[in-house]
Amino acid sequence: MSETVSKTYEQDGEEARAIAQTMPYYPFKGIPRFYDIGGFLAKPDVFQQIVDIFAARYKEIGIDAVAGLDARGFVLGPPIALALKKPFFMMRKKGKMPNTVESPPYQTEYGPRSGMCIQKDAIKKGDRVLVIDDLVATGGTLSASIQLVQMLGGIVVECACVVELKMFIDPPSDSGLPSRTKLFTDLDILDVPVWGLISEDVLTNEAVLQEDYKDDGEEH
């Protein structure tokens, strides 16, 4: 067995800490630390390393299909699916694809969202599905994706993200932060694992802002 397949990659491990240095954070939409994947997308060797890490992990676990979330999951999911030689399916916002099923509405750290959609024939009963996105915070978007897979009779093997904000996993009740654990418990999907390569603990690279930097973020 090759070293690439057999190696276990840990959250915030040596590779993750190096990748984190390519992801400076910015103030955006009033959020003081917005983590953008554009940093590593601009570095083909780092982007390839991330694809290799995810492909190695899920080659061992075993999957039938990869689903990517609108929109940054469309950037990350296809190269991972190609590396695994598995089909890729899009989970999109309502009204963007024909012949779809729609998840219930969901809540994110930015506010409420209408349901996520996937085409009805994308997933077959019993399919083992890997869900890909760039970042997980409150888990609202991932919860919608899990429900979609289950609606079609599939099984979510894992939800995988480059970045996992651990502060939302199970915050103290008096913190005012939404709890991903509570959300998944309420939806009866707590058994679905979530894995992130990098956490906020090692994302310490503050962007150097130009004098004309503008926090002009809109819906994303």
N, C-alpha and C. Protein backbone atom coordinates (compact mmCIF):
# COMPACT_ATOMS: atom_id res chain seq x y z
N MET A 1 0.85 -1.19 0.00
CA MET A 1 0.00 0.00 0.00
C MET A 1 0.88 1.24 0.00
N SER A 2 0.52 2.22 -0.83
CA SER A 2 1.37 3.40 -0.96
C SER A 2 1.29 4.28 0.26
N GLU A 3 2.30 5.12 0.42
CA GLU A 3 2.33 6.03 1.57
C GLU A 3 1.17 6.99 1.54
N THR A 4 0.76 7.45 0.31
CA THR A 4 -0.33 8.41 0.19
C THR A 4 -1.63 7.84 0.73
N VAL A 5 -1.88 6.55 0.44
CA VAL A 5 -3.12 5.94 0.87
C VAL A 5 -3.10 5.63 2.36
N SER A 6 -1.96 5.20 2.87
CA SER A 6 -1.92 4.69 4.23
C SER A 6 -1.77 5.79 5.27
N LYS A 7 -1.34 6.99 4.88
CA LYS A 7 -1.09 8.04 5.85
C LYS A 7 -2.40 8.56 6.44
N THR A 8 -2.42 8.79 7.73
CA THR A 8 -3.58 9.38 8.40
C THR A 8 -3.34 10.87 8.60
N TYR A 9 -4.26 11.67 8.09
CA TYR A 9 -4.14 13.13 8.22
C TYR A 9 -5.02 13.59 9.37
N GLU A 10 -4.43 14.33 10.29
CA GLU A 10 -5.13 14.79 11.48
C GLU A 10 -5.50 16.26 11.34
N GLN A 11 -6.61 16.62 11.97
CA GLN A 11 -6.96 18.03 12.01
C GLN A 11 -5.85 18.82 12.69
N ASP A 12 -5.45 19.92 12.05
CA ASP A 12 -4.40 20.81 12.56
C ASP A 12 -3.04 20.11 12.66
N GLY A 13 -2.86 19.03 11.90
CA GLY A 13 -1.57 18.36 11.86
C GLY A 13 -0.55 19.16 11.06
N GLU A 14 0.58 18.55 10.81
CA GLU A 14 1.68 19.25 10.14
C GLU A 14 1.26 19.83 8.79
N GLU A 15 0.58 19.02 7.98
CA GLU A 15 0.15 19.49 6.66
C GLU A 15 -0.89 20.60 6.79
N ALA A 16 -1.83 20.43 7.72
CA ALA A 16 -2.88 21.42 7.90
C ALA A 16 -2.31 22.77 8.33
N ARG A 17 -1.33 22.75 9.22
CA ARG A 17 -0.74 24.01 9.69
C ARG A 17 -0.04 24.74 8.55
N ALA A 18 0.61 23.99 7.67
CA ALA A 18 1.27 24.62 6.53
C ALA A 18 0.24 25.21 5.56
N ILE A 19 -0.83 24.47 5.30
CA ILE A 19 -1.88 24.96 4.41
C ILE A 19 -2.54 26.20 4.99
N ALA A 20 -2.72 26.23 6.31
CA ALA A 20 -3.37 27.36 6.97
C ALA A 20 -2.65 28.68 6.71
N GLN A 21 -1.35 28.61 6.49
CA GLN A 21 -0.59 29.83 6.24
C GLN A 21 -0.93 30.47 4.90
N THR A 22 -1.58 29.71 4.02
CA THR A 22 -1.99 30.26 2.72
C THR A 22 -3.40 30.84 2.78
N MET A 23 -4.02 30.83 3.96
CA MET A 23 -5.41 31.27 4.10
C MET A 23 -5.52 32.42 5.10
N PRO A 24 -5.10 33.62 4.70
CA PRO A 24 -5.25 34.76 5.61
C PRO A 24 -6.74 35.09 5.83
N TYR A 25 -7.03 35.66 6.97
CA TYR A 25 -8.42 36.04 7.25
C TYR A 25 -8.60 37.54 7.06
N TYR A 26 -9.84 37.89 6.70
CA TYR A 26 -10.20 39.27 6.39
C TYR A 26 -11.46 39.66 7.17
N PRO A 27 -11.65 40.96 7.40
CA PRO A 27 -12.97 41.42 7.86
C PRO A 27 -13.92 41.44 6.66
N PHE A 28 -15.07 40.80 6.81
CA PHE A 28 -15.99 40.68 5.68
C PHE A 28 -17.41 40.51 6.19
N LYS A 29 -18.32 41.30 5.64
CA LYS A 29 -19.72 41.29 6.07
C LYS A 29 -19.85 41.51 7.58
N GLY A 30 -18.96 42.32 8.14
CA GLY A 30 -18.99 42.59 9.57
C GLY A 30 -18.40 41.51 10.42
N ILE A 31 -17.93 40.41 9.80
CA ILE A 31 -17.29 39.32 10.54
C ILE A 31 -15.79 39.60 10.58
N PRO A 32 -15.19 39.67 11.76
CA PRO A 32 -13.77 40.05 11.83
C PRO A 32 -12.82 39.04 11.21
N ARG A 33 -13.21 37.75 11.22
CA ARG A 33 -12.33 36.72 10.66
C ARG A 33 -13.09 35.90 9.63
N PHE A 34 -12.97 36.29 8.38
CA PHE A 34 -13.57 35.56 7.28
C PHE A 34 -12.47 34.78 6.58
N TYR A 35 -12.62 33.46 6.51
CA TYR A 35 -11.60 32.60 5.92
C TYR A 35 -11.99 32.27 4.48
N ASP A 36 -11.13 32.63 3.54
CA ASP A 36 -11.44 32.49 2.13
C ASP A 36 -10.50 31.48 1.48
N ILE A 37 -11.08 30.54 0.71
CA ILE A 37 -10.26 29.52 0.07
C ILE A 37 -9.45 30.07 -1.10
N GLY A 38 -9.69 31.32 -1.48
CA GLY A 38 -8.93 31.90 -2.58
C GLY A 38 -7.43 31.87 -2.36
N GLY A 39 -7.01 31.87 -1.09
CA GLY A 39 -5.58 31.85 -0.79
C GLY A 39 -4.89 30.62 -1.32
N PHE A 40 -5.47 29.43 -1.09
CA PHE A 40 -4.81 28.22 -1.58
C PHE A 40 -5.17 27.90 -3.02
N LEU A 41 -6.31 28.40 -3.52
CA LEU A 41 -6.64 28.19 -4.93
C LEU A 41 -5.62 28.87 -5.83
N ALA A 42 -5.01 29.93 -5.33
CA ALA A 42 -4.00 30.66 -6.10
C ALA A 42 -2.64 29.96 -6.09
N LYS A 43 -2.54 28.88 -5.33
CA LYS A 43 -1.29 28.12 -5.23
C LYS A 43 -1.55 26.67 -5.64
N PRO A 44 -1.32 26.35 -6.93
CA PRO A 44 -1.68 25.01 -7.43
C PRO A 44 -1.10 23.86 -6.63
N ASP A 45 0.11 24.03 -6.10
CA ASP A 45 0.70 22.93 -5.34
C ASP A 45 -0.04 22.67 -4.03
N VAL A 46 -0.53 23.75 -3.41
CA VAL A 46 -1.29 23.61 -2.16
C VAL A 46 -2.69 23.04 -2.45
N PHE A 47 -3.31 23.54 -3.50
CA PHE A 47 -4.62 23.03 -3.89
C PHE A 47 -4.52 21.53 -4.18
N GLN A 48 -3.49 21.12 -4.91
CA GLN A 48 -3.30 19.71 -5.21
C GLN A 48 -3.08 18.91 -3.94
N GLN A 49 -2.35 19.47 -2.99
CA GLN A 49 -2.10 18.77 -1.73
C GLN A 49 -3.41 18.52 -0.99
N ILE A 50 -4.31 19.50 -0.98
CA ILE A 50 -5.60 19.34 -0.32
C ILE A 50 -6.41 18.24 -1.00
N VAL A 51 -6.44 18.25 -2.33
CA VAL A 51 -7.15 17.21 -3.07
C VAL A 51 -6.58 15.84 -2.73
N ASP A 52 -5.25 15.74 -2.68
CA ASP A 52 -4.60 14.46 -2.37
C ASP A 52 -4.95 13.98 -0.96
N ILE A 53 -5.00 14.91 0.00
CA ILE A 53 -5.32 14.55 1.38
C ILE A 53 -6.74 14.00 1.47
N PHE A 54 -7.68 14.68 0.83
CA PHE A 54 -9.07 14.22 0.90
C PHE A 54 -9.24 12.91 0.13
N ALA A 55 -8.58 12.80 -1.02
CA ALA A 55 -8.70 11.57 -1.80
C ALA A 55 -8.13 10.39 -1.03
N ALA A 56 -7.01 10.57 -0.34
CA ALA A 56 -6.41 9.49 0.44
C ALA A 56 -7.35 9.05 1.56
N ARG A 57 -7.96 10.03 2.24
CA ARG A 57 -8.86 9.70 3.36
C ARG A 57 -10.06 8.88 2.87
N TYR A 58 -10.67 9.29 1.77
CA TYR A 58 -11.93 8.67 1.37
C TYR A 58 -11.73 7.47 0.45
N LYS A 59 -10.53 7.27 -0.06
CA LYS A 59 -10.24 6.02 -0.75
C LYS A 59 -10.27 4.87 0.25
N GLU A 60 -9.77 5.13 1.45
CA GLU A 60 -9.77 4.09 2.49
C GLU A 60 -11.16 3.88 3.07
N ILE A 61 -11.90 4.96 3.30
CA ILE A 61 -13.23 4.84 3.91
C ILE A 61 -14.20 4.19 2.94
N GLY A 62 -14.13 4.54 1.66
CA GLY A 62 -14.99 3.95 0.66
C GLY A 62 -16.28 4.71 0.46
N ILE A 63 -16.47 5.25 -0.76
CA ILE A 63 -17.69 6.01 -1.08
C ILE A 63 -18.16 5.63 -2.48
N ASP A 64 -19.42 5.98 -2.78
CA ASP A 64 -19.99 5.77 -4.11
C ASP A 64 -20.13 7.05 -4.91
N ALA A 65 -20.24 8.20 -4.23
CA ALA A 65 -20.44 9.47 -4.92
C ALA A 65 -19.99 10.62 -4.04
N VAL A 66 -19.72 11.76 -4.69
CA VAL A 66 -19.34 12.98 -4.00
C VAL A 66 -20.39 14.05 -4.32
N ALA A 67 -20.87 14.73 -3.29
CA ALA A 67 -21.81 15.84 -3.47
C ALA A 67 -21.17 17.11 -2.96
N GLY A 68 -21.23 18.17 -3.75
CA GLY A 68 -20.64 19.46 -3.37
C GLY A 68 -21.71 20.51 -3.18
N LEU A 69 -21.49 21.36 -2.17
CA LEU A 69 -22.48 22.37 -1.82
C LEU A 69 -22.23 23.68 -2.56
N ASP A 70 -23.30 24.31 -2.98
CA ASP A 70 -23.29 25.60 -3.65
C ASP A 70 -22.71 26.67 -2.72
N ALA A 71 -21.63 27.34 -3.08
CA ALA A 71 -20.97 27.24 -4.37
C ALA A 71 -19.53 26.74 -4.26
N ARG A 72 -18.89 26.92 -3.12
CA ARG A 72 -17.47 26.58 -3.06
C ARG A 72 -17.23 25.07 -3.05
N GLY A 73 -18.27 24.30 -2.70
CA GLY A 73 -18.16 22.85 -2.84
C GLY A 73 -18.06 22.42 -4.29
N PHE A 74 -18.46 23.32 -5.23
CA PHE A 74 -18.32 23.03 -6.65
C PHE A 74 -16.87 23.16 -7.11
N VAL A 75 -16.08 23.92 -6.36
CA VAL A 75 -14.66 24.08 -6.68
C VAL A 75 -13.86 22.90 -6.12
N LEU A 76 -14.18 22.51 -4.89
CA LEU A 76 -13.41 21.46 -4.21
C LEU A 76 -13.85 20.05 -4.57
N GLY A 77 -15.14 19.85 -4.77
CA GLY A 77 -15.66 18.51 -4.97
C GLY A 77 -15.22 17.81 -6.24
N PRO A 78 -15.28 18.46 -7.41
CA PRO A 78 -14.94 17.75 -8.65
C PRO A 78 -13.53 17.18 -8.71
N PRO A 79 -12.47 17.92 -8.32
CA PRO A 79 -11.14 17.28 -8.37
C PRO A 79 -11.00 16.12 -7.40
N ILE A 80 -11.68 16.19 -6.26
CA ILE A 80 -11.65 15.07 -5.32
C ILE A 80 -12.38 13.87 -5.90
N ALA A 81 -13.54 14.12 -6.53
CA ALA A 81 -14.29 13.04 -7.17
C ALA A 81 -13.48 12.41 -8.30
N LEU A 82 -12.80 13.23 -9.09
CA LEU A 82 -11.97 12.70 -10.18
C LEU A 82 -10.83 11.83 -9.63
N ALA A 83 -10.22 12.30 -8.55
CA ALA A 83 -9.13 11.52 -7.95
C ALA A 83 -9.61 10.17 -7.45
N LEU A 84 -10.86 10.12 -7.00
CA LEU A 84 -11.44 8.88 -6.49
C LEU A 84 -12.15 8.08 -7.57
N LYS A 85 -12.28 8.70 -8.77
CA LYS A 85 -13.01 8.08 -9.88
C LYS A 85 -14.46 7.77 -9.50
N LYS A 86 -15.08 8.76 -8.87
CA LYS A 86 -16.47 8.65 -8.45
C LYS A 86 -17.28 9.79 -9.06
N PRO A 87 -18.59 9.61 -9.23
CA PRO A 87 -19.43 10.68 -9.79
C PRO A 87 -19.56 11.84 -8.82
N PHE A 88 -19.73 13.03 -9.38
CA PHE A 88 -19.92 14.25 -8.59
C PHE A 88 -21.30 14.81 -8.87
N PHE A 89 -21.99 15.23 -7.80
CA PHE A 89 -23.32 15.83 -7.93
C PHE A 89 -23.35 17.17 -7.20
N MET A 90 -24.08 18.11 -7.79
CA MET A 90 -24.23 19.44 -7.20
C MET A 90 -25.46 19.50 -6.31
N MET A 91 -25.30 20.17 -5.17
CA MET A 91 -26.42 20.55 -4.33
C MET A 91 -26.54 22.07 -4.44
N ARG A 92 -27.64 22.51 -5.04
CA ARG A 92 -27.74 23.91 -5.43
C ARG A 92 -28.89 24.61 -4.72
N LYS A 93 -28.85 25.94 -4.81
CA LYS A 93 -29.96 26.75 -4.31
C LYS A 93 -31.19 26.50 -5.18
N LYS A 94 -32.35 26.74 -4.62
CA LYS A 94 -33.61 26.46 -5.30
C LYS A 94 -33.71 27.21 -6.63
N GLY A 95 -34.26 26.52 -7.64
CA GLY A 95 -34.51 27.15 -8.92
C GLY A 95 -33.34 27.14 -9.89
N LYS A 96 -32.26 26.42 -9.56
CA LYS A 96 -31.07 26.42 -10.41
C LYS A 96 -30.93 25.17 -11.26
N MET A 97 -31.73 24.12 -10.97
CA MET A 97 -31.64 22.85 -11.71
C MET A 97 -33.04 22.29 -11.91
N PRO A 98 -33.25 21.51 -12.99
CA PRO A 98 -34.55 20.86 -13.19
C PRO A 98 -34.66 19.55 -12.40
N ASN A 99 -35.89 19.12 -12.18
CA ASN A 99 -36.20 17.79 -11.65
C ASN A 99 -35.48 17.53 -10.32
N THR A 100 -35.76 18.35 -9.34
CA THR A 100 -35.05 18.27 -8.07
C THR A 100 -35.96 17.92 -6.90
N VAL A 101 -35.33 17.50 -5.82
CA VAL A 101 -35.98 17.44 -4.52
C VAL A 101 -35.34 18.52 -3.66
N GLU A 102 -36.10 19.03 -2.71
CA GLU A 102 -35.66 20.17 -1.91
C GLU A 102 -35.66 19.82 -0.43
N SER A 103 -34.61 20.22 0.25
CA SER A 103 -34.53 20.03 1.70
C SER A 103 -35.42 21.05 2.41
N PRO A 104 -35.71 20.85 3.69
CA PRO A 104 -36.38 21.89 4.46
C PRO A 104 -35.50 23.14 4.54
N PRO A 105 -36.09 24.30 4.82
CA PRO A 105 -35.29 25.51 5.03
C PRO A 105 -34.30 25.29 6.17
N TYR A 106 -33.25 26.08 6.18
CA TYR A 106 -32.23 25.92 7.21
C TYR A 106 -31.65 27.28 7.61
N GLN A 107 -30.91 27.28 8.69
CA GLN A 107 -30.35 28.50 9.25
C GLN A 107 -28.83 28.44 9.18
N THR A 108 -28.21 29.54 8.79
CA THR A 108 -26.76 29.65 8.81
C THR A 108 -26.34 30.79 9.73
N GLU A 109 -25.02 30.97 9.88
CA GLU A 109 -24.53 32.08 10.69
C GLU A 109 -24.87 33.43 10.09
N TYR A 110 -25.29 33.42 8.79
CA TYR A 110 -25.64 34.67 8.12
C TYR A 110 -27.14 34.91 8.08
N GLY A 111 -27.95 33.92 8.53
CA GLY A 111 -29.39 34.10 8.51
C GLY A 111 -30.10 32.91 7.90
N PRO A 112 -31.43 32.99 7.74
CA PRO A 112 -32.21 31.86 7.22
C PRO A 112 -32.00 31.67 5.73
N ARG A 113 -32.15 30.42 5.28
CA ARG A 113 -32.03 30.06 3.87
C ARG A 113 -33.18 29.15 3.48
N SER A 114 -33.60 29.26 2.20
CA SER A 114 -34.57 28.29 1.70
C SER A 114 -33.85 26.98 1.46
N GLY A 115 -34.58 25.93 1.12
CA GLY A 115 -33.99 24.60 1.04
C GLY A 115 -32.93 24.45 -0.04
N MET A 116 -32.02 23.51 0.17
CA MET A 116 -31.03 23.11 -0.82
C MET A 116 -31.66 22.05 -1.71
N CYS A 117 -31.23 21.97 -2.99
CA CYS A 117 -31.84 21.05 -3.94
C CYS A 117 -30.79 20.14 -4.60
N ILE A 118 -31.23 18.95 -4.99
CA ILE A 118 -30.42 18.03 -5.77
C ILE A 118 -31.35 17.32 -6.75
N GLN A 119 -30.83 16.92 -7.91
CA GLN A 119 -31.67 16.23 -8.88
C GLN A 119 -32.08 14.86 -8.36
N LYS A 120 -33.29 14.48 -8.70
CA LYS A 120 -33.91 13.29 -8.10
C LYS A 120 -33.16 11.99 -8.40
N ASP A 121 -32.48 11.94 -9.55
CA ASP A 121 -31.81 10.71 -9.93
C ASP A 121 -30.32 10.71 -9.59
N ALA A 122 -29.86 11.70 -8.80
CA ALA A 122 -28.43 11.82 -8.51
C ALA A 122 -27.93 10.70 -7.59
N ILE A 123 -28.75 10.32 -6.64
CA ILE A 123 -28.33 9.36 -5.62
C ILE A 123 -29.30 8.18 -5.58
N LYS A 124 -28.75 6.99 -5.56
CA LYS A 124 -29.57 5.79 -5.50
C LYS A 124 -29.64 5.29 -4.05
N LYS A 125 -30.67 4.51 -3.77
CA LYS A 125 -30.83 3.95 -2.44
C LYS A 125 -29.60 3.14 -2.05
N GLY A 126 -29.07 3.43 -0.87
CA GLY A 126 -27.91 2.71 -0.37
C GLY A 126 -26.58 3.32 -0.76
N ASP A 127 -26.56 4.33 -1.64
CA ASP A 127 -25.30 4.96 -2.03
C ASP A 127 -24.62 5.59 -0.82
N ARG A 128 -23.31 5.38 -0.76
CA ARG A 128 -22.48 5.99 0.29
C ARG A 128 -21.92 7.30 -0.26
N VAL A 129 -22.37 8.41 0.32
CA VAL A 129 -22.10 9.73 -0.24
C VAL A 129 -21.18 10.54 0.66
N LEU A 130 -20.18 11.16 0.04
CA LEU A 130 -19.32 12.12 0.71
C LEU A 130 -19.80 13.51 0.36
N VAL A 131 -20.07 14.34 1.37
CA VAL A 131 -20.50 15.73 1.16
C VAL A 131 -19.30 16.65 1.37
N ILE A 132 -19.06 17.55 0.41
CA ILE A 132 -17.90 18.43 0.43
C ILE A 132 -18.33 19.89 0.47
N ASP A 133 -17.70 20.66 1.36
CA ASP A 133 -17.85 22.12 1.36
C ASP A 133 -16.53 22.72 1.82
N ASP A 134 -16.42 24.05 1.72
CA ASP A 134 -15.14 24.66 2.10
C ASP A 134 -15.02 24.84 3.61
N LEU A 135 -16.13 25.14 4.28
CA LEU A 135 -16.08 25.48 5.71
C LEU A 135 -17.37 25.06 6.39
N VAL A 136 -17.25 24.58 7.61
CA VAL A 136 -18.43 24.31 8.43
C VAL A 136 -18.34 25.18 9.67
N ALA A 137 -19.45 25.88 9.94
CA ALA A 137 -19.55 26.70 11.15
C ALA A 137 -20.71 26.15 11.98
N THR A 138 -21.89 26.72 11.80
CA THR A 138 -23.05 26.27 12.59
C THR A 138 -23.60 24.93 12.12
N GLY A 139 -23.26 24.53 10.89
CA GLY A 139 -23.73 23.24 10.38
C GLY A 139 -25.07 23.30 9.68
N GLY A 140 -25.64 24.48 9.50
CA GLY A 140 -26.95 24.58 8.88
C GLY A 140 -26.97 24.06 7.45
N THR A 141 -26.00 24.49 6.65
CA THR A 141 -25.96 24.04 5.26
C THR A 141 -25.69 22.55 5.17
N LEU A 142 -24.78 22.06 6.00
CA LEU A 142 -24.51 20.61 6.00
C LEU A 142 -25.76 19.83 6.41
N SER A 143 -26.52 20.36 7.34
CA SER A 143 -27.73 19.64 7.78
C SER A 143 -28.70 19.48 6.62
N ALA A 144 -28.81 20.52 5.79
CA ALA A 144 -29.69 20.44 4.63
C ALA A 144 -29.18 19.38 3.64
N SER A 145 -27.87 19.32 3.47
CA SER A 145 -27.30 18.33 2.53
C SER A 145 -27.51 16.91 3.03
N ILE A 146 -27.36 16.71 4.32
CA ILE A 146 -27.57 15.37 4.89
C ILE A 146 -29.02 14.94 4.68
N GLN A 147 -29.95 15.87 4.93
CA GLN A 147 -31.36 15.54 4.75
C GLN A 147 -31.67 15.19 3.30
N LEU A 148 -31.03 15.90 2.36
CA LEU A 148 -31.26 15.62 0.95
C LEU A 148 -30.82 14.20 0.60
N VAL A 149 -29.63 13.83 1.03
CA VAL A 149 -29.12 12.49 0.74
C VAL A 149 -30.05 11.44 1.33
N GLN A 150 -30.49 11.66 2.55
CA GLN A 150 -31.38 10.70 3.20
C GLN A 150 -32.75 10.63 2.53
N MET A 151 -33.23 11.76 2.00
CA MET A 151 -34.51 11.77 1.29
C MET A 151 -34.48 10.85 0.07
N LEU A 152 -33.28 10.72 -0.54
CA LEU A 152 -33.14 9.88 -1.73
C LEU A 152 -32.68 8.46 -1.38
N GLY A 153 -32.58 8.15 -0.09
CA GLY A 153 -32.22 6.80 0.33
C GLY A 153 -30.73 6.55 0.45
N GLY A 154 -29.93 7.61 0.33
CA GLY A 154 -28.49 7.46 0.45
C GLY A 154 -28.02 7.57 1.89
N ILE A 155 -26.73 7.29 2.07
CA ILE A 155 -26.10 7.35 3.39
C ILE A 155 -24.94 8.34 3.31
N VAL A 156 -24.93 9.33 4.17
CA VAL A 156 -23.80 10.26 4.22
C VAL A 156 -22.68 9.61 5.04
N VAL A 157 -21.61 9.26 4.36
CA VAL A 157 -20.47 8.64 5.03
C VAL A 157 -19.78 9.66 5.93
N GLU A 158 -19.64 10.88 5.40
CA GLU A 158 -19.02 11.96 6.17
C GLU A 158 -19.27 13.28 5.45
N CYS A 159 -19.30 14.35 6.22
CA CYS A 159 -19.26 15.70 5.67
C CYS A 159 -17.84 16.23 5.87
N ALA A 160 -17.20 16.61 4.78
CA ALA A 160 -15.80 16.99 4.85
C ALA A 160 -15.62 18.43 4.39
N CYS A 161 -14.87 19.19 5.17
CA CYS A 161 -14.60 20.59 4.87
C CYS A 161 -13.12 20.88 5.06
N VAL A 162 -12.62 21.85 4.34
CA VAL A 162 -11.24 22.27 4.56
C VAL A 162 -11.11 22.89 5.94
N VAL A 163 -12.10 23.72 6.33
CA VAL A 163 -12.05 24.42 7.61
C VAL A 163 -13.25 24.04 8.47
N GLU A 164 -12.99 23.73 9.73
CA GLU A 164 -14.05 23.51 10.72
C GLU A 164 -13.87 24.50 11.85
N LEU A 165 -14.90 25.32 12.07
CA LEU A 165 -14.87 26.25 13.20
C LEU A 165 -15.40 25.53 14.44
N LYS A 166 -14.48 25.10 15.29
CA LYS A 166 -14.85 24.27 16.45
C LYS A 166 -15.68 25.03 17.48
N MET A 167 -15.62 26.35 17.42
CA MET A 167 -16.35 27.15 18.40
C MET A 167 -17.86 26.92 18.33
N PHE A 168 -18.34 26.37 17.20
CA PHE A 168 -19.78 26.13 17.04
C PHE A 168 -20.18 24.68 17.31
N ILE A 169 -19.22 23.82 17.61
CA ILE A 169 -19.59 22.41 17.80
C ILE A 169 -20.53 22.24 18.98
N ASP A 170 -20.15 22.72 20.13
CA ASP A 170 -20.98 22.58 21.33
C ASP A 170 -20.65 23.71 22.31
N PRO A 171 -20.97 24.96 21.95
CA PRO A 171 -20.60 26.09 22.80
C PRO A 171 -21.40 26.12 24.09
N PRO A 172 -20.89 26.77 25.14
CA PRO A 172 -21.67 26.91 26.38
C PRO A 172 -23.02 27.57 26.11
N SER A 173 -24.01 27.17 26.85
CA SER A 173 -25.37 27.65 26.61
C SER A 173 -25.49 29.16 26.79
N ASP A 174 -24.60 29.75 27.61
CA ASP A 174 -24.68 31.19 27.85
C ASP A 174 -23.80 31.99 26.90
N SER A 175 -23.23 31.33 25.87
CA SER A 175 -22.32 32.03 24.96
C SER A 175 -23.06 32.84 23.90
N GLY A 176 -24.31 32.46 23.64
CA GLY A 176 -25.06 33.12 22.58
C GLY A 176 -24.78 32.55 21.20
N LEU A 177 -23.86 31.56 21.12
CA LEU A 177 -23.53 30.96 19.84
C LEU A 177 -24.44 29.78 19.53
N PRO A 178 -24.82 29.60 18.27
CA PRO A 178 -25.60 28.40 17.91
C PRO A 178 -24.76 27.15 18.06
N SER A 179 -25.41 26.06 18.41
CA SER A 179 -24.71 24.79 18.64
C SER A 179 -24.98 23.81 17.51
N ARG A 180 -23.91 23.38 16.84
CA ARG A 180 -24.06 22.37 15.79
C ARG A 180 -24.53 21.04 16.38
N THR A 181 -24.05 20.71 17.54
CA THR A 181 -24.45 19.46 18.19
C THR A 181 -25.95 19.45 18.47
N LYS A 182 -26.47 20.56 18.98
CA LYS A 182 -27.91 20.64 19.25
C LYS A 182 -28.72 20.55 17.97
N LEU A 183 -28.26 21.27 16.92
CA LEU A 183 -28.97 21.23 15.64
C LEU A 183 -29.03 19.80 15.10
N PHE A 184 -27.89 19.12 15.08
CA PHE A 184 -27.86 17.76 14.55
C PHE A 184 -28.67 16.81 15.42
N THR A 185 -28.68 17.04 16.73
CA THR A 185 -29.48 16.21 17.63
C THR A 185 -30.97 16.41 17.34
N ASP A 186 -31.39 17.66 17.21
CA ASP A 186 -32.79 17.96 16.94
C ASP A 186 -33.26 17.35 15.62
N LEU A 187 -32.37 17.27 14.64
CA LEU A 187 -32.73 16.74 13.33
C LEU A 187 -32.47 15.24 13.22
N ASP A 188 -31.99 14.64 14.30
CA ASP A 188 -31.70 13.20 14.35
C ASP A 188 -30.65 12.80 13.31
N ILE A 189 -29.62 13.63 13.17
CA ILE A 189 -28.53 13.33 12.24
C ILE A 189 -27.17 13.40 12.96
N LEU A 190 -27.18 13.30 14.27
CA LEU A 190 -25.94 13.43 15.04
C LEU A 190 -24.97 12.28 14.74
N ASP A 191 -25.48 11.19 14.17
CA ASP A 191 -24.60 10.06 13.86
C ASP A 191 -23.76 10.30 12.61
N VAL A 192 -24.03 11.38 11.88
CA VAL A 192 -23.27 11.68 10.66
C VAL A 192 -21.99 12.43 11.05
N PRO A 193 -20.82 11.87 10.77
CA PRO A 193 -19.58 12.53 11.18
C PRO A 193 -19.25 13.74 10.31
N VAL A 194 -18.60 14.71 10.91
CA VAL A 194 -18.11 15.90 10.22
C VAL A 194 -16.61 15.98 10.45
N TRP A 195 -15.86 16.18 9.37
CA TRP A 195 -14.41 16.26 9.48
C TRP A 195 -13.89 17.50 8.80
N GLY A 196 -13.02 18.23 9.49
CA GLY A 196 -12.37 19.38 8.91
C GLY A 196 -10.86 19.23 9.01
N LEU A 197 -10.16 19.60 7.96
CA LEU A 197 -8.71 19.48 7.95
C LEU A 197 -8.05 20.52 8.85
N ILE A 198 -8.62 21.72 8.88
CA ILE A 198 -8.02 22.85 9.58
C ILE A 198 -9.06 23.48 10.49
N SER A 199 -8.67 23.85 11.70
CA SER A 199 -9.57 24.58 12.60
C SER A 199 -9.08 26.00 12.79
N GLU A 200 -9.91 26.81 13.42
CA GLU A 200 -9.54 28.20 13.68
C GLU A 200 -8.33 28.33 14.59
N ASP A 201 -7.99 27.25 15.29
CA ASP A 201 -6.83 27.30 16.20
C ASP A 201 -5.53 27.60 15.47
N VAL A 202 -5.43 27.17 14.20
CA VAL A 202 -4.19 27.39 13.45
C VAL A 202 -4.35 28.40 12.31
N LEU A 203 -5.55 28.95 12.16
CA LEU A 203 -5.77 29.97 11.14
C LEU A 203 -5.48 31.34 11.75
N THR A 204 -4.22 31.64 11.89
CA THR A 204 -3.77 32.83 12.61
C THR A 204 -3.13 33.87 11.71
N ASN A 205 -3.22 33.66 10.40
CA ASN A 205 -2.56 34.55 9.45
C ASN A 205 -3.49 35.71 9.07
N GLU A 206 -3.30 36.84 9.70
CA GLU A 206 -4.14 38.01 9.43
C GLU A 206 -3.71 38.68 8.13
N ALA A 207 -4.68 38.95 7.25
CA ALA A 207 -4.38 39.57 5.97
C ALA A 207 -3.85 40.98 6.16
N VAL A 208 -2.92 41.36 5.33
CA VAL A 208 -2.44 42.75 5.29
C VAL A 208 -3.33 43.50 4.31
N LEU A 209 -4.13 44.41 4.81
CA LEU A 209 -5.13 45.08 4.00
C LEU A 209 -4.55 46.33 3.33
N GLN A 210 -4.91 46.52 2.07
CA GLN A 210 -4.54 47.75 1.37
C GLN A 210 -5.34 48.92 1.92
N GLU A 211 -4.85 50.12 1.70
CA GLU A 211 -5.53 51.30 2.25
C GLU A 211 -6.95 51.44 1.71
N ASP A 212 -7.18 50.96 0.48
CA ASP A 212 -8.51 51.10 -0.11
C ASP A 212 -9.38 49.85 0.09
N TYR A 213 -8.97 48.95 1.03
CA TYR A 213 -9.77 47.75 1.28
C TYR A 213 -11.17 48.14 1.72
N LYS A 214 -12.17 47.46 1.16
CA LYS A 214 -13.57 47.75 1.46
C LYS A 214 -14.29 46.46 1.81
N ASP A 215 -14.99 46.47 2.92
CA ASP A 215 -15.81 45.32 3.31
C ASP A 215 -17.13 45.44 2.54
N ASP A 216 -17.12 44.94 1.30
CA ASP A 216 -18.27 45.11 0.42
C ASP A 216 -19.00 43.80 0.19
N GLY A 217 -18.95 42.90 1.17
CA GLY A 217 -19.57 41.60 1.01
C GLY A 217 -21.07 41.69 0.90
N GLU A 218 -21.61 40.87 -0.02
CA GLU A 218 -23.03 40.72 -0.17
C GLU A 218 -23.40 39.27 0.08
N GLU A 219 -24.57 38.86 -0.35
CA GLU A 219 -25.02 37.48 -0.14
C GLU A 219 -24.00 36.51 -0.70
N HIS A 220 -23.62 35.49 0.13
CA HIS A 220 -22.68 34.48 -0.36
C HIS A 220 -22.94 33.16 0.36
